[in-house]
Every structure is written in C-alpha cells, then in structure tokens.
Amino acid sequence: MKFFLIDFDKNNFILENIDSSFLLDFDGVKNYISQNIEKPVYFSKTPIPFDRYKKAFDNVIEEIKKGNTYLLNLTFPTKIETNLTLEEIFHKAKAKFKLKYKNFVCFSPERFVKIENNKIYTYPMKGTIDANIPNAKEIILDNQKELAEHTMVVDLLRNDLGMVAKNIRVTKFRYIDKIKAGKKELLQVSSEIVGDMPDDWIKDWQNIILKLLPAGSITGTPKKKTLEIIKDSEKYDRGFYTGVFGVIDEDNGYLDSAVVIRYIEEKNNQFFYKSGGGITLDSDLNSEYQELIDKVYI
C-alpha cells in the first residue's frame, strides 16, 4: 500500500511509501504511535478583513447573475496563533482522515472517492449546523438554500463519476453525520453516489484521479468556469488545501482518498488556517463571512 497527495491545481502529484517521514491516519491505516498531548491549548485567529471578503463575495455574486457559475466554494487563509506544533495538532485532532506532511497538517472529515470491488463511491458533504440548536436536523434538512447547494454538488459529482465509471446512481441522499468541530458538535449533511468501474481500472488509477480533480465539493459548478472565477476572486494560492490525499493498494485493486480540508499551514514561522464555504445566489454576505471564521478551529 502506498500514499498519494495531489495539490489543488494538480501541479504536484506525490506518490510515496507509507514510512516515518510523515504522519498518516487514514480511516485506520496508521504509520505512527499515538501520543497523549496533555498541555492546555492556546488558540486565537485573525480573519481577513471584511472588506477583502466582501469584494470577492460581490464578484462571485455578479458572476452567478451572469450565469457563469451557480455554486462556488470561496475560501481564504486566516492567520492563527497557538502554542501547539503541527505535530501536536495532528495527535490531538479527532478525524477520520489525518495527515501531517512537511509544513501542513490536515484533519479532514470528507472522503473524496473510494474504489473497492470495481465500484467507485463518493460522499459529497454540503451543509452544516450546530448540533446543539433545538431541532437542528429538521432545520438543516428543510433549509432551501442548503438543499439547492447540496443538490448542485450531487449533480456535479454524478457527472464527474460518469467520466470514469458507468451506471452512476445516488444510493443515499442527504443523510446526517455528527462530527466534532473543536468544542462544538456539528450535524453534517452528506450523500452517497456509486458507479461501476472497468475490471482493469487499477492500471490507470492516476489518470482516473486526475480526471476527477479538483473535487466538486470545494470548487463548484460548472467546474471549468468556476475555477477561473475562484482564481480571480480569491487571489491566493490554495496549495495542497482542497487537494486530495489517500492510499492505494495496486495488488488488491483498492483506493481510498479524502479532501484536504481542516487545513493548517506553517509559512515563515506563522500559521495559516484555510477555510471557506459554498456561495449561491441566495447567500448572505455576513453569514458566509461568519461561516469562514467559524470553520477555523482546532
């Protein structure tokens, strides 16, 4: 079994043996001994100025009105301060998919694609709400903006899977998972999409992954034009943030991957946490800015 990592722009495709040069916990595949980090945690964040976010948000809304995009995932880096190292954050974080690689750490709840027994699965996640809000499940499932956004991402990923697989079907639509987000618990809305792969897919697995990238849940739809608008609006390099990482077992025809979100990067002895959210025509500027900030946590 090997490890792979691909950045958002698909400029860096890393394929390595799973050794001690990085830390990986991939849904139970581990290459480290767990450490108990007991010290009290200090954490603060300095979001980008509201005016910078508003300028990008307004540009996205104008592009939506022109019909150039219908859903766009707008992200920015937030400067953070903490007394933890990236390695300590890795050990303290609770997530299904964790990675500490060189100058960043990621603790992601979002699977990208899994291929097993010649079937491909993807699980788009769109829509979160504080689990402690009364009737939180009913509120998030009845929210029409969230429904529209989730439906668009499901349609996008159905189309993406159709490039590499046949008989694409949505087997679960808008089910609820509970996830930890710092001190909070969140309800996360997900769906399951399945397709049938050719028997010899493993021979071409790298091209299959590259065809599907970047992930629809962290770009938007239609993907090509939306990517152009993202670059014009964000004006920063996402790097490995919103790329994918995973494991591949070529001997047994098995691949699993996750989206690189919940991401902290060290640059010039400073920490930056990259986060964002989906923008549609119904999005509210202040709410989206607050969501960007709320998603910054350890």
C-alpha atoms as a PDB file:
ATOM      1  CA  MET A   1       0.000   0.000   0.000  1.00  0.00           C
ATOM      2  CA  LYS A   2       1.252   3.496  -0.887  1.00  0.00           C
ATOM      3  CA  PHE A   3       0.361   7.071  -0.022  1.00  0.00           C
ATOM      4  CA  PHE A   4      -0.527   9.789  -2.544  1.00  0.00           C
ATOM      5  CA  LEU A   5      -1.076  13.543  -2.284  1.00  0.00           C
ATOM      6  CA  ILE A   6      -2.207  15.953  -5.012  1.00  0.00           C
ATOM      7  CA  ASP A   7      -2.486  19.738  -4.713  1.00  0.00           C
ATOM      8  CA  PHE A   8      -5.499  21.835  -5.760  1.00  0.00           C
ATOM      9  CA  ASP A   9      -4.001  22.919  -9.095  1.00  0.00           C
ATOM     10  CA  LYS A  10      -2.794  19.376  -9.921  1.00  0.00           C
ATOM     11  CA  ASN A  11       0.778  20.657 -10.259  1.00  0.00           C
ATOM     12  CA  ASN A  12       2.166  18.318  -7.581  1.00  0.00           C
ATOM     13  CA  PHE A  13       1.380  14.590  -7.579  1.00  0.00           C
ATOM     14  CA  ILE A  14       3.262  12.872  -4.758  1.00  0.00           C
ATOM     15  CA  LEU A  15       3.379   9.055  -4.528  1.00  0.00           C
ATOM     16  CA  GLU A  16       5.387   7.556  -1.653  1.00  0.00           C
ATOM     17  CA  ASN A  17       5.753   4.522   0.515  1.00  0.00           C
ATOM     18  CA  ILE A  18       3.985   4.869   3.858  1.00  0.00           C
ATOM     19  CA  ASP A  19       7.029   5.452   6.081  1.00  0.00           C
ATOM     20  CA  SER A  20       8.032   7.588   9.050  1.00  0.00           C
ATOM     21  CA  SER A  21       8.778  10.778   7.052  1.00  0.00           C
ATOM     22  CA  PHE A  22       5.188  11.975   7.590  1.00  0.00           C
ATOM     23  CA  LEU A  23       2.223  11.175   9.849  1.00  0.00           C
ATOM     24  CA  LEU A  24      -0.874   9.477   8.442  1.00  0.00           C
ATOM     25  CA  ASP A  25      -4.104   8.193   9.930  1.00  0.00           C
ATOM     26  CA  PHE A  26      -6.354   7.215   7.065  1.00  0.00           C
ATOM     27  CA  ASP A  27      -9.528   5.626   8.383  1.00  0.00           C
ATOM     28  CA  GLY A  28      -7.444   3.230  10.468  1.00  0.00           C
ATOM     29  CA  VAL A  29      -4.324   2.988   8.260  1.00  0.00           C
ATOM     30  CA  LYS A  30      -1.649   4.432  10.593  1.00  0.00           C
ATOM     31  CA  ASN A  31       2.120   4.817  10.487  1.00  0.00           C
ATOM     32  CA  TYR A  32       2.763   6.241  13.985  1.00  0.00           C
ATOM     33  CA  ILE A  33       2.422   5.607  17.697  1.00  0.00           C
ATOM     34  CA  SER A  34      -0.269   7.775  19.280  1.00  0.00           C
ATOM     35  CA  GLN A  35       0.831  10.477  21.702  1.00  0.00           C
ATOM     36  CA  ASN A  36      -1.231  11.967  24.506  1.00  0.00           C
ATOM     37  CA  ILE A  37      -0.773  15.768  24.378  1.00  0.00           C
ATOM     38  CA  GLU A  38      -1.927  16.946  27.802  1.00  0.00           C
ATOM     39  CA  LYS A  39      -0.905  20.618  27.886  1.00  0.00           C
ATOM     40  CA  PRO A  40      -3.593  23.344  27.854  1.00  0.00           C
ATOM     41  CA  VAL A  41      -4.283  24.697  24.368  1.00  0.00           C
ATOM     42  CA  TYR A  42      -3.968  28.354  23.408  1.00  0.00           C
ATOM     43  CA  PHE A  43      -5.659  29.303  20.136  1.00  0.00           C
ATOM     44  CA  SER A  44      -6.590  32.620  18.529  1.00  0.00           C
ATOM     45  CA  LYS A  45      -7.499  33.696  14.991  1.00  0.00           C
ATOM     46  CA  THR A  46      -7.239  36.880  12.941  1.00  0.00           C
ATOM     47  CA  PRO A  47      -9.607  36.634   9.956  1.00  0.00           C
ATOM     48  CA  ILE A  48      -9.050  38.508   6.720  1.00  0.00           C
ATOM     49  CA  PRO A  49     -10.630  41.995   6.697  1.00  0.00           C
ATOM     50  CA  PHE A  50     -14.357  42.015   5.999  1.00  0.00           C
ATOM     51  CA  ASP A  51     -13.812  44.377   3.035  1.00  0.00           C
ATOM     52  CA  ARG A  52     -11.498  41.876   1.335  1.00  0.00           C
ATOM     53  CA  TYR A  53     -14.060  39.121   1.744  1.00  0.00           C
ATOM     54  CA  LYS A  54     -16.892  41.413   0.558  1.00  0.00           C
ATOM     55  CA  LYS A  55     -15.013  42.309  -2.630  1.00  0.00           C
ATOM     56  CA  ALA A  56     -14.541  38.624  -3.504  1.00  0.00           C
ATOM     57  CA  PHE A  57     -18.106  37.717  -2.482  1.00  0.00           C
ATOM     58  CA  ASP A  58     -19.593  40.533  -4.603  1.00  0.00           C
ATOM     59  CA  ASN A  59     -17.550  39.388  -7.590  1.00  0.00           C
ATOM     60  CA  VAL A  60     -18.860  35.832  -7.184  1.00  0.00           C
ATOM     61  CA  ILE A  61     -22.470  37.040  -6.934  1.00  0.00           C
ATOM     62  CA  GLU A  62     -22.026  39.082 -10.136  1.00  0.00           C
ATOM     63  CA  GLU A  63     -20.684  36.008 -11.942  1.00  0.00           C
ATOM     64  CA  ILE A  64     -23.657  33.978 -10.683  1.00  0.00           C
ATOM     65  CA  LYS A  65     -26.061  36.642 -12.004  1.00  0.00           C
ATOM     66  CA  LYS A  66     -24.326  36.441 -15.392  1.00  0.00           C
ATOM     67  CA  GLY A  67     -24.898  32.665 -15.407  1.00  0.00           C
ATOM     68  CA  ASN A  68     -21.177  31.834 -15.362  1.00  0.00           C
ATOM     69  CA  THR A  69     -21.422  29.815 -12.136  1.00  0.00           C
ATOM     70  CA  TYR A  70     -24.255  28.528  -9.952  1.00  0.00           C
ATOM     71  CA  LEU A  71     -22.297  27.410  -6.920  1.00  0.00           C
ATOM     72  CA  LEU A  72     -18.753  28.435  -5.970  1.00  0.00           C
ATOM     73  CA  ASN A  73     -16.662  27.469  -2.955  1.00  0.00           C
ATOM     74  CA  LEU A  74     -14.993  30.685  -1.771  1.00  0.00           C
ATOM     75  CA  THR A  75     -12.019  30.257   0.585  1.00  0.00           C
ATOM     76  CA  PHE A  76      -9.367  32.371   2.316  1.00  0.00           C
ATOM     77  CA  PRO A  77      -6.449  31.919   4.738  1.00  0.00           C
ATOM     78  CA  THR A  78      -6.885  33.045   8.358  1.00  0.00           C
ATOM     79  CA  LYS A  79      -3.814  33.815  10.454  1.00  0.00           C
ATOM     80  CA  ILE A  80      -3.884  31.835  13.703  1.00  0.00           C
ATOM     81  CA  GLU A  81      -1.743  31.608  16.824  1.00  0.00           C
ATOM     82  CA  THR A  82      -1.382  28.530  19.025  1.00  0.00           C
ATOM     83  CA  ASN A  83       1.051  27.021  21.493  1.00  0.00           C
ATOM     84  CA  LEU A  84       0.803  23.666  19.670  1.00  0.00           C
ATOM     85  CA  THR A  85       3.131  22.429  16.949  1.00  0.00           C
ATOM     86  CA  LEU A  86       1.695  20.956  13.764  1.00  0.00           C
ATOM     87  CA  GLU A  87       2.647  17.503  15.019  1.00  0.00           C
ATOM     88  CA  GLU A  88       0.859  18.105  18.317  1.00  0.00           C
ATOM     89  CA  ILE A  89      -2.227  19.293  16.452  1.00  0.00           C
ATOM     90  CA  PHE A  90      -2.123  16.074  14.435  1.00  0.00           C
ATOM     91  CA  HIS A  91      -2.061  13.933  17.578  1.00  0.00           C
ATOM     92  CA  LYS A  92      -4.815  15.914  19.345  1.00  0.00           C
ATOM     93  CA  ALA A  93      -7.152  16.170  16.344  1.00  0.00           C
ATOM     94  CA  LYS A  94     -10.049  13.741  16.019  1.00  0.00           C
ATOM     95  CA  ALA A  95     -10.964  12.991  12.410  1.00  0.00           C
ATOM     96  CA  LYS A  96     -11.373  10.031  10.086  1.00  0.00           C
ATOM     97  CA  PHE A  97      -8.592  11.274   7.782  1.00  0.00           C
ATOM     98  CA  LYS A  98      -5.484  12.952   9.238  1.00  0.00           C
ATOM     99  CA  LEU A  99      -2.175  13.954   7.672  1.00  0.00           C
ATOM    100  CA  LYS A 100       0.926  15.831   8.839  1.00  0.00           C
ATOM    101  CA  TYR A 101       3.128  16.367   5.782  1.00  0.00           C
ATOM    102  CA  LYS A 102       6.110  18.745   5.751  1.00  0.00           C
ATOM    103  CA  ASN A 103       4.685  22.214   6.540  1.00  0.00           C
ATOM    104  CA  PHE A 104       0.973  21.446   6.960  1.00  0.00           C
ATOM    105  CA  VAL A 105      -1.482  19.383   8.963  1.00  0.00           C
ATOM    106  CA  CYS A 106      -4.956  18.303   7.887  1.00  0.00           C
ATOM    107  CA  PHE A 107      -7.769  16.686   9.891  1.00  0.00           C
ATOM    108  CA  SER A 108     -10.459  16.060   7.306  1.00  0.00           C
ATOM    109  CA  PRO A 109     -13.937  14.558   7.739  1.00  0.00           C
ATOM    110  CA  GLU A 110     -14.581  14.361   3.978  1.00  0.00           C
ATOM    111  CA  ARG A 111     -13.884  11.289   1.851  1.00  0.00           C
ATOM    112  CA  PHE A 112     -13.290  12.063  -1.849  1.00  0.00           C
ATOM    113  CA  VAL A 113     -13.589   8.759  -3.717  1.00  0.00           C
ATOM    114  CA  LYS A 114     -13.192   5.139  -2.687  1.00  0.00           C
ATOM    115  CA  ILE A 115     -12.748   2.312  -5.198  1.00  0.00           C
ATOM    116  CA  GLU A 116     -13.286  -1.232  -3.977  1.00  0.00           C
ATOM    117  CA  ASN A 117     -14.509  -4.413  -5.707  1.00  0.00           C
ATOM    118  CA  ASN A 118     -14.611  -2.449  -9.002  1.00  0.00           C
ATOM    119  CA  LYS A 119     -17.118   0.058  -7.614  1.00  0.00           C
ATOM    120  CA  ILE A 120     -16.411   3.752  -7.077  1.00  0.00           C
ATOM    121  CA  TYR A 121     -18.038   5.677  -4.213  1.00  0.00           C
ATOM    122  CA  THR A 122     -18.109   9.371  -3.411  1.00  0.00           C
ATOM    123  CA  TYR A 123     -19.718  11.171  -0.475  1.00  0.00           C
ATOM    124  CA  PRO A 124     -20.282  14.896  -1.110  1.00  0.00           C
ATOM    125  CA  MET A 125     -20.673  16.923   2.095  1.00  0.00           C
ATOM    126  CA  LYS A 126     -22.628  20.183   1.905  1.00  0.00           C
ATOM    127  CA  GLY A 127     -24.499  21.768   4.785  1.00  0.00           C
ATOM    128  CA  THR A 128     -23.582  22.017   8.470  1.00  0.00           C
ATOM    129  CA  ILE A 129     -25.389  23.187  11.586  1.00  0.00           C
ATOM    130  CA  ASP A 130     -24.605  23.310  15.303  1.00  0.00           C
ATOM    131  CA  ALA A 131     -25.930  20.043  16.728  1.00  0.00           C
ATOM    132  CA  ASN A 132     -26.992  21.783  19.959  1.00  0.00           C
ATOM    133  CA  ILE A 133     -29.558  24.020  18.239  1.00  0.00           C
ATOM    134  CA  PRO A 134     -33.078  22.741  19.011  1.00  0.00           C
ATOM    135  CA  ASN A 135     -34.468  20.746  16.039  1.00  0.00           C
ATOM    136  CA  ALA A 136     -31.118  21.160  14.254  1.00  0.00           C
ATOM    137  CA  LYS A 137     -31.687  18.162  11.967  1.00  0.00           C
ATOM    138  CA  GLU A 138     -35.090  19.419  10.774  1.00  0.00           C
ATOM    139  CA  ILE A 139     -33.763  22.968  10.309  1.00  0.00           C
ATOM    140  CA  ILE A 140     -30.825  21.956   8.101  1.00  0.00           C
ATOM    141  CA  LEU A 141     -32.837  19.474   6.023  1.00  0.00           C
ATOM    142  CA  ASP A 142     -35.676  21.980   5.489  1.00  0.00           C
ATOM    143  CA  ASN A 143     -33.364  24.862   4.525  1.00  0.00           C
ATOM    144  CA  GLN A 144     -33.997  25.530   0.819  1.00  0.00           C
ATOM    145  CA  LYS A 145     -30.619  27.217   0.193  1.00  0.00           C
ATOM    146  CA  GLU A 146     -28.814  24.230   1.703  1.00  0.00           C
ATOM    147  CA  LEU A 147     -30.973  21.837  -0.331  1.00  0.00           C
ATOM    148  CA  ALA A 148     -30.209  23.673  -3.575  1.00  0.00           C
ATOM    149  CA  GLU A 149     -26.486  23.814  -2.815  1.00  0.00           C
ATOM    150  CA  HIS A 150     -26.317  20.134  -1.873  1.00  0.00           C
ATOM    151  CA  THR A 151     -28.315  19.077  -4.958  1.00  0.00           C
ATOM    152  CA  MET A 152     -25.953  21.005  -7.252  1.00  0.00           C
ATOM    153  CA  VAL A 153     -22.898  19.314  -5.745  1.00  0.00           C
ATOM    154  CA  VAL A 154     -24.516  15.874  -6.058  1.00  0.00           C
ATOM    155  CA  ASP A 155     -25.313  16.555  -9.730  1.00  0.00           C
ATOM    156  CA  LEU A 156     -21.758  17.755 -10.337  1.00  0.00           C
ATOM    157  CA  LEU A 157     -20.216  14.648  -8.774  1.00  0.00           C
ATOM    158  CA  ARG A 158     -22.620  12.339 -10.627  1.00  0.00           C
ATOM    159  CA  ASN A 159     -21.336  13.903 -13.833  1.00  0.00           C
ATOM    160  CA  ASP A 160     -17.718  13.640 -12.672  1.00  0.00           C
ATOM    161  CA  LEU A 161     -18.044   9.935 -11.863  1.00  0.00           C
ATOM    162  CA  GLY A 162     -19.644   9.454 -15.277  1.00  0.00           C
ATOM    163  CA  MET A 163     -16.267  10.325 -16.847  1.00  0.00           C
ATOM    164  CA  VAL A 164     -14.631   7.224 -15.353  1.00  0.00           C
ATOM    165  CA  ALA A 165     -17.468   4.825 -14.454  1.00  0.00           C
ATOM    166  CA  LYS A 166     -20.845   3.533 -15.655  1.00  0.00           C
ATOM    167  CA  ASN A 167     -24.272   3.045 -14.078  1.00  0.00           C
ATOM    168  CA  ILE A 168     -23.969   6.069 -11.785  1.00  0.00           C
ATOM    169  CA  ARG A 169     -26.635   6.193  -9.065  1.00  0.00           C
ATOM    170  CA  VAL A 170     -27.353   8.135  -5.875  1.00  0.00           C
ATOM    171  CA  THR A 171     -27.808   5.457  -3.220  1.00  0.00           C
ATOM    172  CA  LYS A 172     -28.297   7.826  -0.242  1.00  0.00           C
ATOM    173  CA  PHE A 173     -29.445  11.449  -0.494  1.00  0.00           C
ATOM    174  CA  ARG A 174     -28.879  13.976   2.307  1.00  0.00           C
ATOM    175  CA  TYR A 175     -28.193  11.797   5.316  1.00  0.00           C
ATOM    176  CA  ILE A 176     -26.843  13.225   8.582  1.00  0.00           C
ATOM    177  CA  ASP A 177     -23.489  12.589  10.283  1.00  0.00           C
ATOM    178  CA  LYS A 178     -22.398  14.089  13.596  1.00  0.00           C
ATOM    179  CA  ILE A 179     -18.835  15.442  13.641  1.00  0.00           C
ATOM    180  CA  LYS A 180     -16.624  17.141  16.227  1.00  0.00           C
ATOM    181  CA  ALA A 181     -15.575  20.727  15.459  1.00  0.00           C
ATOM    182  CA  GLY A 182     -13.357  21.916  18.281  1.00  0.00           C
ATOM    183  CA  LYS A 183     -15.606  22.228  21.327  1.00  0.00           C
ATOM    184  CA  LYS A 184     -18.746  22.037  19.175  1.00  0.00           C
ATOM    185  CA  GLU A 185     -20.626  19.143  17.652  1.00  0.00           C
ATOM    186  CA  LEU A 186     -21.932  19.708  14.130  1.00  0.00           C
ATOM    187  CA  LEU A 187     -24.511  17.931  12.027  1.00  0.00           C
ATOM    188  CA  GLN A 188     -23.104  17.398   8.532  1.00  0.00           C
ATOM    189  CA  VAL A 189     -25.302  16.644   5.513  1.00  0.00           C
ATOM    190  CA  SER A 190     -23.872  14.097   3.045  1.00  0.00           C
ATOM    191  CA  SER A 191     -24.958  11.896   0.139  1.00  0.00           C
ATOM    192  CA  GLU A 192     -23.600   8.658  -1.341  1.00  0.00           C
ATOM    193  CA  ILE A 193     -23.031   8.204  -5.089  1.00  0.00           C
ATOM    194  CA  VAL A 194     -21.896   4.895  -6.621  1.00  0.00           C
ATOM    195  CA  GLY A 195     -20.666   3.809 -10.063  1.00  0.00           C
ATOM    196  CA  ASP A 196     -19.295   0.662 -11.732  1.00  0.00           C
ATOM    197  CA  MET A 197     -15.604   0.665 -12.741  1.00  0.00           C
ATOM    198  CA  PRO A 198     -13.964  -1.402 -15.503  1.00  0.00           C
ATOM    199  CA  ASP A 199     -12.193  -4.525 -14.240  1.00  0.00           C
ATOM    200  CA  ASP A 200      -8.749  -3.144 -15.189  1.00  0.00           C
ATOM    201  CA  TRP A 201      -9.161   0.354 -13.660  1.00  0.00           C
ATOM    202  CA  ILE A 202      -6.125  -0.116 -11.416  1.00  0.00           C
ATOM    203  CA  LYS A 203      -3.791   0.140 -14.424  1.00  0.00           C
ATOM    204  CA  ASP A 204      -4.915   3.731 -14.971  1.00  0.00           C
ATOM    205  CA  TRP A 205      -5.677   4.844 -11.422  1.00  0.00           C
ATOM    206  CA  GLN A 206      -3.550   8.004 -11.509  1.00  0.00           C
ATOM    207  CA  ASN A 207      -5.282   9.360 -14.613  1.00  0.00           C
ATOM    208  CA  ILE A 208      -8.676   8.424 -13.141  1.00  0.00           C
ATOM    209  CA  ILE A 209      -7.996  10.524 -10.016  1.00  0.00           C
ATOM    210  CA  LEU A 210      -6.652  13.443 -12.056  1.00  0.00           C
ATOM    211  CA  LYS A 211      -9.752  13.391 -14.275  1.00  0.00           C
ATOM    212  CA  LEU A 212     -11.960  13.779 -11.213  1.00  0.00           C
ATOM    213  CA  LEU A 213      -9.955  16.659  -9.746  1.00  0.00           C
ATOM    214  CA  PRO A 214     -10.351  19.189  -8.365  1.00  0.00           C
ATOM    215  CA  ALA A 215     -13.095  17.874  -6.102  1.00  0.00           C
ATOM    216  CA  GLY A 216     -16.518  19.284  -6.942  1.00  0.00           C
ATOM    217  CA  SER A 217     -17.434  19.989  -3.315  1.00  0.00           C
ATOM    218  CA  ILE A 218     -14.629  22.533  -2.960  1.00  0.00           C
ATOM    219  CA  THR A 219     -14.895  24.145  -6.421  1.00  0.00           C
ATOM    220  CA  GLY A 220     -18.486  24.438  -7.688  1.00  0.00           C
ATOM    221  CA  THR A 221     -20.432  24.131 -10.912  1.00  0.00           C
ATOM    222  CA  PRO A 222     -19.868  24.306 -13.842  1.00  0.00           C
ATOM    223  CA  LYS A 223     -16.373  23.315 -12.826  1.00  0.00           C
ATOM    224  CA  LYS A 224     -14.170  24.806 -15.577  1.00  0.00           C
ATOM    225  CA  LYS A 225     -15.605  28.335 -15.500  1.00  0.00           C
ATOM    226  CA  THR A 226     -15.995  28.239 -11.711  1.00  0.00           C
ATOM    227  CA  LEU A 227     -12.270  27.504 -11.329  1.00  0.00           C
ATOM    228  CA  GLU A 228     -11.467  30.646 -13.338  1.00  0.00           C
ATOM    229  CA  ILE A 229     -13.747  32.721 -11.095  1.00  0.00           C
ATOM    230  CA  ILE A 230     -12.197  31.202  -7.947  1.00  0.00           C
ATOM    231  CA  LYS A 231      -8.709  32.301  -9.008  1.00  0.00           C
ATOM    232  CA  ASP A 232      -9.958  35.769  -9.956  1.00  0.00           C
ATOM    233  CA  SER A 233     -11.826  36.181  -6.657  1.00  0.00           C
ATOM    234  CA  GLU A 234      -9.522  34.572  -4.074  1.00  0.00           C
ATOM    235  CA  LYS A 235      -6.195  35.848  -5.424  1.00  0.00           C
ATOM    236  CA  TYR A 236      -4.087  33.479  -3.316  1.00  0.00           C
ATOM    237  CA  ASP A 237      -2.503  30.070  -3.797  1.00  0.00           C
ATOM    238  CA  ARG A 238      -4.533  27.263  -2.189  1.00  0.00           C
ATOM    239  CA  GLY A 239      -1.559  24.893  -2.465  1.00  0.00           C
ATOM    240  CA  PHE A 240      -2.375  21.469  -1.035  1.00  0.00           C
ATOM    241  CA  TYR A 241      -5.504  22.865   0.624  1.00  0.00           C
ATOM    242  CA  THR A 242      -8.591  21.397  -1.128  1.00  0.00           C
ATOM    243  CA  GLY A 243      -6.405  18.896  -2.946  1.00  0.00           C
ATOM    244  CA  VAL A 244      -6.717  15.204  -2.098  1.00  0.00           C
ATOM    245  CA  PHE A 245      -4.665  12.583  -0.249  1.00  0.00           C
ATOM    246  CA  GLY A 246      -5.154   8.860   0.088  1.00  0.00           C
ATOM    247  CA  VAL A 247      -3.892   5.304  -0.050  1.00  0.00           C
ATOM    248  CA  ILE A 248      -3.566   2.925  -2.998  1.00  0.00           C
ATOM    249  CA  ASP A 249      -3.122  -0.869  -2.962  1.00  0.00           C
ATOM    250  CA  GLU A 250      -2.393  -1.795  -6.578  1.00  0.00           C
ATOM    251  CA  ASP A 251      -2.042  -5.505  -5.801  1.00  0.00           C
ATOM    252  CA  ASN A 252      -5.574  -5.774  -4.395  1.00  0.00           C
ATOM    253  CA  GLY A 253      -7.358  -3.161  -6.513  1.00  0.00           C
ATOM    254  CA  TYR A 254      -8.162  -0.787  -3.648  1.00  0.00           C
ATOM    255  CA  LEU A 255      -8.051   3.009  -3.471  1.00  0.00           C
ATOM    256  CA  ASP A 256      -9.343   5.433  -0.862  1.00  0.00           C
ATOM    257  CA  SER A 257      -8.966   9.214  -0.744  1.00  0.00           C
ATOM    258  CA  ALA A 258     -10.028  12.301   1.204  1.00  0.00           C
ATOM    259  CA  VAL A 259     -10.306  16.029   0.557  1.00  0.00           C
ATOM    260  CA  VAL A 260      -7.577  18.146   2.153  1.00  0.00           C
ATOM    261  CA  ILE A 261      -9.735  20.402   4.344  1.00  0.00           C
ATOM    262  CA  ARG A 262      -9.479  21.453   8.019  1.00  0.00           C
ATOM    263  CA  TYR A 263      -6.006  22.568   6.972  1.00  0.00           C
ATOM    264  CA  ILE A 264      -3.258  24.462   8.832  1.00  0.00           C
ATOM    265  CA  GLU A 265      -0.079  25.543   7.053  1.00  0.00           C
ATOM    266  CA  GLU A 266       3.143  26.927   8.508  1.00  0.00           C
ATOM    267  CA  LYS A 267       4.766  29.675   6.454  1.00  0.00           C
ATOM    268  CA  ASN A 268       7.615  31.951   7.595  1.00  0.00           C
ATOM    269  CA  ASN A 269       7.089  30.829  11.213  1.00  0.00           C
ATOM    270  CA  GLN A 270       3.405  31.784  11.077  1.00  0.00           C
ATOM    271  CA  PHE A 271       0.333  29.527  10.970  1.00  0.00           C
ATOM    272  CA  PHE A 272      -2.493  29.970   8.476  1.00  0.00           C
ATOM    273  CA  TYR A 273      -5.768  28.080   8.540  1.00  0.00           C
ATOM    274  CA  LYS A 274      -7.535  27.907   5.161  1.00  0.00           C
ATOM    275  CA  SER A 275     -11.322  27.633   5.147  1.00  0.00           C
ATOM    276  CA  GLY A 276     -14.401  28.586   3.132  1.00  0.00           C
ATOM    277  CA  GLY A 277     -17.936  27.805   2.106  1.00  0.00           C
ATOM    278  CA  GLY A 278     -20.284  27.462  -0.841  1.00  0.00           C
ATOM    279  CA  ILE A 279     -21.755  30.637  -2.385  1.00  0.00           C
ATOM    280  CA  THR A 280     -25.063  30.651  -4.288  1.00  0.00           C
ATOM    281  CA  LEU A 281     -27.351  33.473  -5.399  1.00  0.00           C
ATOM    282  CA  ASP A 282     -29.236  33.175  -2.095  1.00  0.00           C
ATOM    283  CA  SER A 283     -26.113  33.506   0.066  1.00  0.00           C
ATOM    284  CA  ASP A 284     -25.946  36.226   2.697  1.00  0.00           C
ATOM    285  CA  LEU A 285     -22.653  38.143   2.868  1.00  0.00           C
ATOM    286  CA  ASN A 286     -22.455  38.396   6.659  1.00  0.00           C
ATOM    287  CA  SER A 287     -23.456  34.772   7.214  1.00  0.00           C
ATOM    288  CA  GLU A 288     -20.861  33.480   4.741  1.00  0.00           C
ATOM    289  CA  TYR A 289     -18.106  35.611   6.287  1.00  0.00           C
ATOM    290  CA  GLN A 290     -19.040  34.243   9.711  1.00  0.00           C
ATOM    291  CA  GLU A 291     -19.031  30.663   8.372  1.00  0.00           C
ATOM    292  CA  LEU A 292     -15.482  31.200   7.057  1.00  0.00           C
ATOM    293  CA  ILE A 293     -14.441  32.261  10.583  1.00  0.00           C
ATOM    294  CA  ASP A 294     -16.402  29.544  12.401  1.00  0.00           C
ATOM    295  CA  LYS A 295     -14.670  26.822  10.379  1.00  0.00           C
ATOM    296  CA  VAL A 296     -11.307  27.901  11.803  1.00  0.00           C
ATOM    297  CA  TYR A 297     -10.753  25.705  14.855  1.00  0.00           C
ATOM    298  CA  ILE A 298      -8.553  23.025  16.350  1.00  0.00           C
END
